[in-house]
Structures are given as C-alpha cells and as structure tokens.
Amino acid sequence: MSAGIVKRSVMIAGHRTSVSLEEPFWRALREIAAARGQSVQALIGTIDAGRAEQNLSSAIRVFVLEAVRGMAP
C-alpha cells in the first residue's frame, strides 16, 4: 500500500483549490462519502465549512480519523 501524497483539485464554495493527502486518506474519504450518500467534493465542502483556521488537508485527516473512531458528526 503506497502512502505517497496525491494532490487533487476540488471545487469548494464556488472556487477551485487543491488538496494534498496520502492515498489511504483519499480512499477512506471516498468510503465515508459513499456511506453518507455524498460526493467526495460535497464531503470536503462540509469539512471545509467547519474547519475554522485549520489547514484543509489537516482538517480532512482529522475528520477521517474521527470517522474511523466513530466520532465524526
């Protein structure tokens, strides 16, 4: 399993931004989005809206960790 950084472009609140995450985080994010009936982009938008001053990539990693632990909202 490769843990290299993968950079992807996403649209959030009407603007494009890129997000760099390790492939296992992208995979987990896809699984979480599918389980919620959302697109990955919509889920990232939700995470972005609640992150305050935290870096988006870090906020996504924390969200995935909390989801795996059963603590995500």
PDB file of N, CA and C in Angstrom:
ATOM      1  N   MET A   1       0.852  -1.172   0.000  1.00  0.00           N
ATOM      2  CA  MET A   1       0.000   0.000   0.000  1.00  0.00           C
ATOM      3  C   MET A   1       0.896   1.233   0.000  1.00  0.00           C
ATOM      4  N   SER A   2       0.736   2.065  -0.988  1.00  0.00           N
ATOM      5  CA  SER A   2       1.517   3.282  -1.096  1.00  0.00           C
ATOM      6  C   SER A   2       0.876   4.390  -0.279  1.00  0.00           C
ATOM      7  N   ALA A   3       1.705   5.121   0.454  1.00  0.00           N
ATOM      8  CA  ALA A   3       1.197   6.225   1.265  1.00  0.00           C
ATOM      9  C   ALA A   3       1.684   7.558   0.715  1.00  0.00           C
ATOM     10  N   GLY A   4       2.084   7.590  -0.570  1.00  0.00           N
ATOM     11  CA  GLY A   4       2.561   8.827  -1.165  1.00  0.00           C
ATOM     12  C   GLY A   4       1.475   9.884  -1.224  1.00  0.00           C
ATOM     13  N   ILE A   5       1.916  11.129  -1.255  1.00  0.00           N
ATOM     14  CA  ILE A   5       0.993  12.270  -1.321  1.00  0.00           C
ATOM     15  C   ILE A   5       0.399  12.359  -2.729  1.00  0.00           C
ATOM     16  N   VAL A   6      -0.932  12.516  -2.770  1.00  0.00           N
ATOM     17  CA  VAL A   6      -1.650  12.694  -4.031  1.00  0.00           C
ATOM     18  C   VAL A   6      -2.369  14.031  -3.955  1.00  0.00           C
ATOM     19  N   LYS A   7      -2.140  14.874  -4.951  1.00  0.00           N
ATOM     20  CA  LYS A   7      -2.772  16.196  -4.997  1.00  0.00           C
ATOM     21  C   LYS A   7      -3.953  16.140  -5.961  1.00  0.00           C
ATOM     22  N   ARG A   8      -5.120  16.594  -5.479  1.00  0.00           N
ATOM     23  CA  ARG A   8      -6.323  16.610  -6.321  1.00  0.00           C
ATOM     24  C   ARG A   8      -6.955  17.991  -6.266  1.00  0.00           C
ATOM     25  N   SER A   9      -7.577  18.374  -7.343  1.00  0.00           N
ATOM     26  CA  SER A   9      -8.272  19.649  -7.424  1.00  0.00           C
ATOM     27  C   SER A   9      -9.739  19.427  -7.101  1.00  0.00           C
ATOM     28  N   VAL A  10     -10.295  20.282  -6.243  1.00  0.00           N
ATOM     29  CA  VAL A  10     -11.709  20.189  -5.882  1.00  0.00           C
ATOM     30  C   VAL A  10     -12.339  21.577  -5.917  1.00  0.00           C
ATOM     31  N   MET A  11     -13.643  21.605  -6.101  1.00  0.00           N
ATOM     32  CA  MET A  11     -14.398  22.860  -6.093  1.00  0.00           C
ATOM     33  C   MET A  11     -15.072  22.984  -4.735  1.00  0.00           C
ATOM     34  N   ILE A  12     -14.780  24.071  -4.029  1.00  0.00           N
ATOM     35  CA  ILE A  12     -15.370  24.313  -2.715  1.00  0.00           C
ATOM     36  C   ILE A  12     -15.939  25.727  -2.709  1.00  0.00           C
ATOM     37  N   ALA A  13     -17.216  25.832  -2.392  1.00  0.00           N
ATOM     38  CA  ALA A  13     -17.890  27.134  -2.302  1.00  0.00           C
ATOM     39  C   ALA A  13     -17.634  27.982  -3.542  1.00  0.00           C
ATOM     40  N   GLY A  14     -17.665  27.341  -4.703  1.00  0.00           N
ATOM     41  CA  GLY A  14     -17.535  28.077  -5.951  1.00  0.00           C
ATOM     42  C   GLY A  14     -16.125  28.387  -6.391  1.00  0.00           C
ATOM     43  N   HIS A  15     -15.119  27.929  -5.660  1.00  0.00           N
ATOM     44  CA  HIS A  15     -13.747  28.161  -6.117  1.00  0.00           C
ATOM     45  C   HIS A  15     -12.944  26.865  -6.095  1.00  0.00           C
ATOM     46  N   ARG A  16     -11.999  26.771  -7.021  1.00  0.00           N
ATOM     47  CA  ARG A  16     -11.148  25.595  -7.117  1.00  0.00           C
ATOM     48  C   ARG A  16      -9.981  25.727  -6.148  1.00  0.00           C
ATOM     49  N   THR A  17      -9.660  24.612  -5.528  1.00  0.00           N
ATOM     50  CA  THR A  17      -8.481  24.542  -4.672  1.00  0.00           C
ATOM     51  C   THR A  17      -7.894  23.150  -4.796  1.00  0.00           C
ATOM     52  N   SER A  18      -6.638  22.996  -4.436  1.00  0.00           N
ATOM     53  CA  SER A  18      -6.074  21.653  -4.476  1.00  0.00           C
ATOM     54  C   SER A  18      -5.839  21.165  -3.062  1.00  0.00           C
ATOM     55  N   VAL A  19      -6.002  19.873  -2.908  1.00  0.00           N
ATOM     56  CA  VAL A  19      -5.848  19.223  -1.618  1.00  0.00           C
ATOM     57  C   VAL A  19      -4.821  18.114  -1.784  1.00  0.00           C
ATOM     58  N   SER A  20      -3.845  18.092  -0.890  1.00  0.00           N
ATOM     59  CA  SER A  20      -2.817  17.055  -0.913  1.00  0.00           C
ATOM     60  C   SER A  20      -3.009  16.135   0.283  1.00  0.00           C
ATOM     61  N   LEU A  21      -3.250  14.857  -0.014  1.00  0.00           N
ATOM     62  CA  LEU A  21      -3.430  13.846   1.022  1.00  0.00           C
ATOM     63  C   LEU A  21      -2.734  12.563   0.597  1.00  0.00           C
ATOM     64  N   GLU A  22      -2.390  11.747   1.555  1.00  0.00           N
ATOM     65  CA  GLU A  22      -1.875  10.419   1.259  1.00  0.00           C
ATOM     66  C   GLU A  22      -3.013   9.577   0.684  1.00  0.00           C
ATOM     67  N   GLU A  23      -2.677   8.656  -0.192  1.00  0.00           N
ATOM     68  CA  GLU A  23      -3.693   7.832  -0.864  1.00  0.00           C
ATOM     69  C   GLU A  23      -4.625   7.111   0.117  1.00  0.00           C
ATOM     70  N   PRO A  24      -4.131   6.578   1.253  1.00  0.00           N
ATOM     71  CA  PRO A  24      -5.075   5.936   2.181  1.00  0.00           C
ATOM     72  C   PRO A  24      -6.154   6.894   2.700  1.00  0.00           C
ATOM     73  N   PHE A  25      -5.817   8.181   2.856  1.00  0.00           N
ATOM     74  CA  PHE A  25      -6.821   9.155   3.286  1.00  0.00           C
ATOM     75  C   PHE A  25      -7.832   9.421   2.175  1.00  0.00           C
ATOM     76  N   TRP A  26      -7.371   9.504   0.917  1.00  0.00           N
ATOM     77  CA  TRP A  26      -8.306   9.669  -0.196  1.00  0.00           C
ATOM     78  C   TRP A  26      -9.260   8.480  -0.260  1.00  0.00           C
ATOM     79  N   ARG A  27      -8.726   7.284  -0.087  1.00  0.00           N
ATOM     80  CA  ARG A  27      -9.545   6.071  -0.138  1.00  0.00           C
ATOM     81  C   ARG A  27     -10.592   6.088   0.975  1.00  0.00           C
ATOM     82  N   ALA A  28     -10.159   6.414   2.195  1.00  0.00           N
ATOM     83  CA  ALA A  28     -11.091   6.471   3.332  1.00  0.00           C
ATOM     84  C   ALA A  28     -12.145   7.549   3.109  1.00  0.00           C
ATOM     85  N   LEU A  29     -11.727   8.690   2.572  1.00  0.00           N
ATOM     86  CA  LEU A  29     -12.663   9.783   2.308  1.00  0.00           C
ATOM     87  C   LEU A  29     -13.726   9.347   1.301  1.00  0.00           C
ATOM     88  N   ARG A  30     -13.329   8.617   0.256  1.00  0.00           N
ATOM     89  CA  ARG A  30     -14.293   8.097  -0.729  1.00  0.00           C
ATOM     90  C   ARG A  30     -15.278   7.136  -0.063  1.00  0.00           C
ATOM     91  N   GLU A  31     -14.780   6.270   0.808  1.00  0.00           N
ATOM     92  CA  GLU A  31     -15.639   5.309   1.504  1.00  0.00           C
ATOM     93  C   GLU A  31     -16.640   6.013   2.425  1.00  0.00           C
ATOM     94  N   ILE A  32     -16.166   7.016   3.154  1.00  0.00           N
ATOM     95  CA  ILE A  32     -17.035   7.760   4.073  1.00  0.00           C
ATOM     96  C   ILE A  32     -18.106   8.506   3.273  1.00  0.00           C
ATOM     97  N   ALA A  33     -17.695   9.159   2.188  1.00  0.00           N
ATOM     98  CA  ALA A  33     -18.652   9.899   1.347  1.00  0.00           C
ATOM     99  C   ALA A  33     -19.706   8.948   0.788  1.00  0.00           C
ATOM    100  N   ALA A  34     -19.287   7.793   0.292  1.00  0.00           N
ATOM    101  CA  ALA A  34     -20.229   6.819  -0.270  1.00  0.00           C
ATOM    102  C   ALA A  34     -21.209   6.340   0.799  1.00  0.00           C
ATOM    103  N   ALA A  35     -20.718   6.080   2.003  1.00  0.00           N
ATOM    104  CA  ALA A  35     -21.585   5.619   3.093  1.00  0.00           C
ATOM    105  C   ALA A  35     -22.618   6.674   3.469  1.00  0.00           C
ATOM    106  N   ARG A  36     -22.280   7.941   3.262  1.00  0.00           N
ATOM    107  CA  ARG A  36     -23.194   9.043   3.577  1.00  0.00           C
ATOM    108  C   ARG A  36     -24.047   9.450   2.387  1.00  0.00           C
ATOM    109  N   GLY A  37     -23.818   8.827   1.243  1.00  0.00           N
ATOM    110  CA  GLY A  37     -24.565   9.189   0.043  1.00  0.00           C
ATOM    111  C   GLY A  37     -24.165  10.541  -0.510  1.00  0.00           C
ATOM    112  N   GLN A  38     -22.905  10.916  -0.315  1.00  0.00           N
ATOM    113  CA  GLN A  38     -22.396  12.212  -0.778  1.00  0.00           C
ATOM    114  C   GLN A  38     -21.260  11.999  -1.762  1.00  0.00           C
ATOM    115  N   SER A  39     -20.969  13.035  -2.512  1.00  0.00           N
ATOM    116  CA  SER A  39     -19.752  13.013  -3.315  1.00  0.00           C
ATOM    117  C   SER A  39     -18.585  13.394  -2.402  1.00  0.00           C
ATOM    118  N   VAL A  40     -17.393  13.043  -2.818  1.00  0.00           N
ATOM    119  CA  VAL A  40     -16.202  13.425  -2.054  1.00  0.00           C
ATOM    120  C   VAL A  40     -16.121  14.950  -1.992  1.00  0.00           C
ATOM    121  N   GLN A  41     -16.421  15.600  -3.092  1.00  0.00           N
ATOM    122  CA  GLN A  41     -16.375  17.065  -3.138  1.00  0.00           C
ATOM    123  C   GLN A  41     -17.346  17.686  -2.132  1.00  0.00           C
ATOM    124  N   ALA A  42     -18.558  17.150  -2.033  1.00  0.00           N
ATOM    125  CA  ALA A  42     -19.534  17.666  -1.071  1.00  0.00           C
ATOM    126  C   ALA A  42     -19.054  17.441   0.360  1.00  0.00           C
ATOM    127  N   LEU A  43     -18.471  16.272   0.620  1.00  0.00           N
ATOM    128  CA  LEU A  43     -17.962  15.991   1.959  1.00  0.00           C
ATOM    129  C   LEU A  43     -16.813  16.925   2.308  1.00  0.00           C
ATOM    130  N   ILE A  44     -15.923  17.170   1.362  1.00  0.00           N
ATOM    131  CA  ILE A  44     -14.824  18.112   1.608  1.00  0.00           C
ATOM    132  C   ILE A  44     -15.383  19.501   1.873  1.00  0.00           C
ATOM    133  N   GLY A  45     -16.448  19.884   1.172  1.00  0.00           N
ATOM    134  CA  GLY A  45     -17.091  21.178   1.422  1.00  0.00           C
ATOM    135  C   GLY A  45     -17.619  21.281   2.836  1.00  0.00           C
ATOM    136  N   THR A  46     -18.200  20.201   3.335  1.00  0.00           N
ATOM    137  CA  THR A  46     -18.698  20.170   4.712  1.00  0.00           C
ATOM    138  C   THR A  46     -17.549  20.303   5.705  1.00  0.00           C
ATOM    139  N   ILE A  47     -16.471  19.572   5.447  1.00  0.00           N
ATOM    140  CA  ILE A  47     -15.290  19.640   6.322  1.00  0.00           C
ATOM    141  C   ILE A  47     -14.713  21.053   6.291  1.00  0.00           C
ATOM    142  N   ASP A  48     -14.631  21.626   5.101  1.00  0.00           N
ATOM    143  CA  ASP A  48     -14.090  22.979   4.938  1.00  0.00           C
ATOM    144  C   ASP A  48     -14.908  23.997   5.728  1.00  0.00           C
ATOM    145  N   ALA A  49     -16.216  23.864   5.691  1.00  0.00           N
ATOM    146  CA  ALA A  49     -17.096  24.819   6.373  1.00  0.00           C
ATOM    147  C   ALA A  49     -16.908  24.799   7.887  1.00  0.00           C
ATOM    148  N   GLY A  50     -16.452  23.677   8.440  1.00  0.00           N
ATOM    149  CA  GLY A  50     -16.309  23.579   9.887  1.00  0.00           C
ATOM    150  C   GLY A  50     -14.900  23.614  10.404  1.00  0.00           C
ATOM    151  N   ARG A  51     -13.932  23.983   9.572  1.00  0.00           N
ATOM    152  CA  ARG A  51     -12.534  23.842   9.983  1.00  0.00           C
ATOM    153  C   ARG A  51     -11.913  25.055  10.656  1.00  0.00           C
ATOM    154  N   ALA A  52     -12.564  26.174  10.670  1.00  0.00           N
ATOM    155  CA  ALA A  52     -12.020  27.413  11.275  1.00  0.00           C
ATOM    156  C   ALA A  52     -10.677  27.747  10.631  1.00  0.00           C
ATOM    157  N   GLU A  53      -9.630  27.863  11.434  1.00  0.00           N
ATOM    158  CA  GLU A  53      -8.316  28.270  10.930  1.00  0.00           C
ATOM    159  C   GLU A  53      -7.424  27.091  10.554  1.00  0.00           C
ATOM    160  N   GLN A  54      -7.900  25.885  10.723  1.00  0.00           N
ATOM    161  CA  GLN A  54      -7.099  24.691  10.453  1.00  0.00           C
ATOM    162  C   GLN A  54      -6.857  24.516   8.957  1.00  0.00           C
ATOM    163  N   ASN A  55      -5.681  24.067   8.592  1.00  0.00           N
ATOM    164  CA  ASN A  55      -5.342  23.731   7.217  1.00  0.00           C
ATOM    165  C   ASN A  55      -6.333  22.682   6.706  1.00  0.00           C
ATOM    166  N   LEU A  56      -6.802  22.819   5.457  1.00  0.00           N
ATOM    167  CA  LEU A  56      -7.814  21.918   4.933  1.00  0.00           C
ATOM    168  C   LEU A  56      -7.347  20.463   4.910  1.00  0.00           C
ATOM    169  N   SER A  57      -6.144  20.218   4.453  1.00  0.00           N
ATOM    170  CA  SER A  57      -5.640  18.833   4.424  1.00  0.00           C
ATOM    171  C   SER A  57      -5.607  18.235   5.823  1.00  0.00           C
ATOM    172  N   SER A  58      -5.178  19.017   6.804  1.00  0.00           N
ATOM    173  CA  SER A  58      -5.151  18.545   8.187  1.00  0.00           C
ATOM    174  C   SER A  58      -6.564  18.294   8.696  1.00  0.00           C
ATOM    175  N   ALA A  59      -7.486  19.188   8.370  1.00  0.00           N
ATOM    176  CA  ALA A  59      -8.874  19.023   8.804  1.00  0.00           C
ATOM    177  C   ALA A  59      -9.471  17.737   8.230  1.00  0.00           C
ATOM    178  N   ILE A  60      -9.128  17.428   6.978  1.00  0.00           N
ATOM    179  CA  ILE A  60      -9.632  16.197   6.363  1.00  0.00           C
ATOM    180  C   ILE A  60      -9.056  14.981   7.076  1.00  0.00           C
ATOM    181  N   ARG A  61      -7.752  15.005   7.367  1.00  0.00           N
ATOM    182  CA  ARG A  61      -7.136  13.876   8.065  1.00  0.00           C
ATOM    183  C   ARG A  61      -7.782  13.649   9.434  1.00  0.00           C
ATOM    184  N   VAL A  62      -8.013  14.733  10.171  1.00  0.00           N
ATOM    185  CA  VAL A  62      -8.649  14.623  11.491  1.00  0.00           C
ATOM    186  C   VAL A  62     -10.071  14.089  11.340  1.00  0.00           C
ATOM    187  N   PHE A  63     -10.806  14.583  10.350  1.00  0.00           N
ATOM    188  CA  PHE A  63     -12.165  14.102  10.102  1.00  0.00           C
ATOM    189  C   PHE A  63     -12.166  12.598   9.829  1.00  0.00           C
ATOM    190  N   VAL A  64     -11.267  12.148   8.969  1.00  0.00           N
ATOM    191  CA  VAL A  64     -11.181  10.716   8.646  1.00  0.00           C
ATOM    192  C   VAL A  64     -10.852   9.916   9.904  1.00  0.00           C
ATOM    193  N   LEU A  65      -9.900  10.395  10.692  1.00  0.00           N
ATOM    194  CA  LEU A  65      -9.547   9.703  11.937  1.00  0.00           C
ATOM    195  C   LEU A  65     -10.758   9.607  12.868  1.00  0.00           C
ATOM    196  N   GLU A  66     -11.475  10.709  13.009  1.00  0.00           N
ATOM    197  CA  GLU A  66     -12.668  10.695  13.874  1.00  0.00           C
ATOM    198  C   GLU A  66     -13.747   9.775  13.304  1.00  0.00           C
ATOM    199  N   ALA A  67     -13.887   9.739  11.991  1.00  0.00           N
ATOM    200  CA  ALA A  67     -14.882   8.854  11.377  1.00  0.00           C
ATOM    201  C   ALA A  67     -14.517   7.392  11.639  1.00  0.00           C
ATOM    202  N   VAL A  68     -13.255   7.073  11.510  1.00  0.00           N
ATOM    203  CA  VAL A  68     -12.810   5.703  11.761  1.00  0.00           C
ATOM    204  C   VAL A  68     -13.028   5.324  13.221  1.00  0.00           C
ATOM    205  N   ARG A  69     -12.854   6.272  14.100  1.00  0.00           N
ATOM    206  CA  ARG A  69     -13.068   6.029  15.525  1.00  0.00           C
ATOM    207  C   ARG A  69     -14.545   6.106  15.909  1.00  0.00           C
ATOM    208  N   GLY A  70     -15.402   6.468  14.947  1.00  0.00           N
ATOM    209  CA  GLY A  70     -16.830   6.558  15.216  1.00  0.00           C
ATOM    210  C   GLY A  70     -17.250   7.841  15.897  1.00  0.00           C
ATOM    211  N   MET A  71     -16.420   8.895  15.745  1.00  0.00           N
ATOM    212  CA  MET A  71     -16.688  10.165  16.420  1.00  0.00           C
ATOM    213  C   MET A  71     -17.102  11.276  15.473  1.00  0.00           C
ATOM    214  N   ALA A  72     -17.098  11.038  14.154  1.00  0.00           N
ATOM    215  CA  ALA A  72     -17.402  12.101  13.200  1.00  0.00           C
ATOM    216  C   ALA A  72     -18.885  12.481  13.280  1.00  0.00           C
ATOM    217  N   PRO A  73     -19.171  13.776  13.085  1.00  0.00           N
ATOM    218  CA  PRO A  73     -20.584  14.216  13.137  1.00  0.00           C
ATOM    219  C   PRO A  73     -21.384  13.676  11.965  1.00  0.00           C
TER     220      PRO A  73
END
